[in-house]
Amino acid sequence: MGRSVDVDNLVSASEIAEMLGLSHHNSVTTYYRRYPDFPDPVVDKSNGRIRLWDKRDIQSWQRRRG
């Protein structure tokens, strides 16, 4: 069975871009590929066209990166 996640904590690439101060949501995919410690999405459907992350994972990653 997969990880249990509160749906209220799910965020899209657009929301992550805003959280991280990135200019475009496509930059999140770049981060995902570039940084091996970037969190994996908790939802990954349609060959990566639909990805959602747990906001807490992103916030934790952001704190670790400074």
C-alpha atoms as a PDB file:
ATOM      1  CA  MET A   1       0.000   0.000   0.000  1.00  0.00           C
ATOM      2  CA  GLY A   2       1.150   3.540  -0.762  1.00  0.00           C
ATOM      3  CA  ARG A   3       1.823   6.403   1.570  1.00  0.00           C
ATOM      4  CA  SER A   4      -1.134   8.065   3.279  1.00  0.00           C
ATOM      5  CA  VAL A   5      -1.313  11.797   2.540  1.00  0.00           C
ATOM      6  CA  ASP A   6      -3.809  14.446   3.573  1.00  0.00           C
ATOM      7  CA  VAL A   7      -5.258  15.857   0.338  1.00  0.00           C
ATOM      8  CA  ASP A   8      -5.085  19.340   1.847  1.00  0.00           C
ATOM      9  CA  ASN A   9      -1.273  19.017   1.759  1.00  0.00           C
ATOM     10  CA  LEU A  10      -1.064  18.173  -1.952  1.00  0.00           C
ATOM     11  CA  VAL A  11       0.548  20.847  -4.106  1.00  0.00           C
ATOM     12  CA  SER A  12       1.079  21.159  -7.841  1.00  0.00           C
ATOM     13  CA  ALA A  13       4.182  22.297  -9.696  1.00  0.00           C
ATOM     14  CA  SER A  14       2.666  25.785  -9.992  1.00  0.00           C
ATOM     15  CA  GLU A  15       2.207  26.014  -6.236  1.00  0.00           C
ATOM     16  CA  ILE A  16       5.732  24.727  -5.627  1.00  0.00           C
ATOM     17  CA  ALA A  17       7.144  27.273  -8.056  1.00  0.00           C
ATOM     18  CA  GLU A  18       5.436  29.993  -6.050  1.00  0.00           C
ATOM     19  CA  MET A  19       6.700  28.541  -2.745  1.00  0.00           C
ATOM     20  CA  LEU A  20      10.288  28.417  -4.037  1.00  0.00           C
ATOM     21  CA  GLY A  21      10.173  31.771  -5.831  1.00  0.00           C
ATOM     22  CA  LEU A  22      10.574  30.237  -9.283  1.00  0.00           C
ATOM     23  CA  SER A  23       9.313  32.111 -12.327  1.00  0.00           C
ATOM     24  CA  HIS A  24       7.680  29.136 -14.053  1.00  0.00           C
ATOM     25  CA  HIS A  25       6.110  25.850 -13.024  1.00  0.00           C
ATOM     26  CA  ASN A  26       8.314  23.977 -15.519  1.00  0.00           C
ATOM     27  CA  SER A  27      11.279  24.875 -13.305  1.00  0.00           C
ATOM     28  CA  VAL A  28       9.960  22.381 -10.751  1.00  0.00           C
ATOM     29  CA  THR A  29      10.569  19.558 -13.229  1.00  0.00           C
ATOM     30  CA  THR A  30      14.085  20.894 -13.736  1.00  0.00           C
ATOM     31  CA  TYR A  31      14.652  20.874  -9.972  1.00  0.00           C
ATOM     32  CA  TYR A  32      13.217  17.357  -9.729  1.00  0.00           C
ATOM     33  CA  ARG A  33      15.701  16.117 -12.330  1.00  0.00           C
ATOM     34  CA  ARG A  34      18.690  18.209 -11.216  1.00  0.00           C
ATOM     35  CA  TYR A  35      18.618  17.723  -7.441  1.00  0.00           C
ATOM     36  CA  PRO A  36      18.703  14.091  -6.291  1.00  0.00           C
ATOM     37  CA  ASP A  37      17.376  15.112  -2.874  1.00  0.00           C
ATOM     38  CA  PHE A  38      14.312  16.901  -4.295  1.00  0.00           C
ATOM     39  CA  PRO A  39      11.208  15.118  -2.986  1.00  0.00           C
ATOM     40  CA  ASP A  40       9.443  12.585  -5.148  1.00  0.00           C
ATOM     41  CA  PRO A  41       5.845  13.372  -6.026  1.00  0.00           C
ATOM     42  CA  VAL A  42       3.274  11.424  -4.019  1.00  0.00           C
ATOM     43  CA  VAL A  43       1.021  11.327  -7.099  1.00  0.00           C
ATOM     44  CA  ASP A  44       2.566  10.663 -10.516  1.00  0.00           C
ATOM     45  CA  LYS A  45       0.062   9.855 -13.257  1.00  0.00           C
ATOM     46  CA  SER A  46      -0.110   9.976 -17.045  1.00  0.00           C
ATOM     47  CA  ASN A  47       3.625   9.506 -17.571  1.00  0.00           C
ATOM     48  CA  GLY A  48       4.520  12.468 -15.386  1.00  0.00           C
ATOM     49  CA  ARG A  49       1.944  14.861 -16.806  1.00  0.00           C
ATOM     50  CA  ILE A  50       0.109  14.923 -13.479  1.00  0.00           C
ATOM     51  CA  ARG A  51       2.354  15.258 -10.449  1.00  0.00           C
ATOM     52  CA  LEU A  52       1.448  16.310  -6.948  1.00  0.00           C
ATOM     53  CA  TRP A  53       3.780  16.647  -3.994  1.00  0.00           C
ATOM     54  CA  ASP A  54       3.234  16.719  -0.258  1.00  0.00           C
ATOM     55  CA  LYS A  55       3.698  20.352   0.748  1.00  0.00           C
ATOM     56  CA  ARG A  56       5.478  19.275   3.949  1.00  0.00           C
ATOM     57  CA  ASP A  57       8.130  17.431   1.892  1.00  0.00           C
ATOM     58  CA  ILE A  58       8.781  20.543  -0.184  1.00  0.00           C
ATOM     59  CA  GLN A  59       8.955  22.773   2.892  1.00  0.00           C
ATOM     60  CA  SER A  60      11.383  20.390   4.557  1.00  0.00           C
ATOM     61  CA  TRP A  61      13.565  20.260   1.421  1.00  0.00           C
ATOM     62  CA  GLN A  62      13.518  24.053   1.207  1.00  0.00           C
ATOM     63  CA  ARG A  63      14.654  24.387   4.857  1.00  0.00           C
ATOM     64  CA  ARG A  64      17.495  21.904   4.325  1.00  0.00           C
ATOM     65  CA  ARG A  65      18.686  23.787   1.222  1.00  0.00           C
ATOM     66  CA  GLY A  66      18.610  27.137   3.013  1.00  0.00           C
END
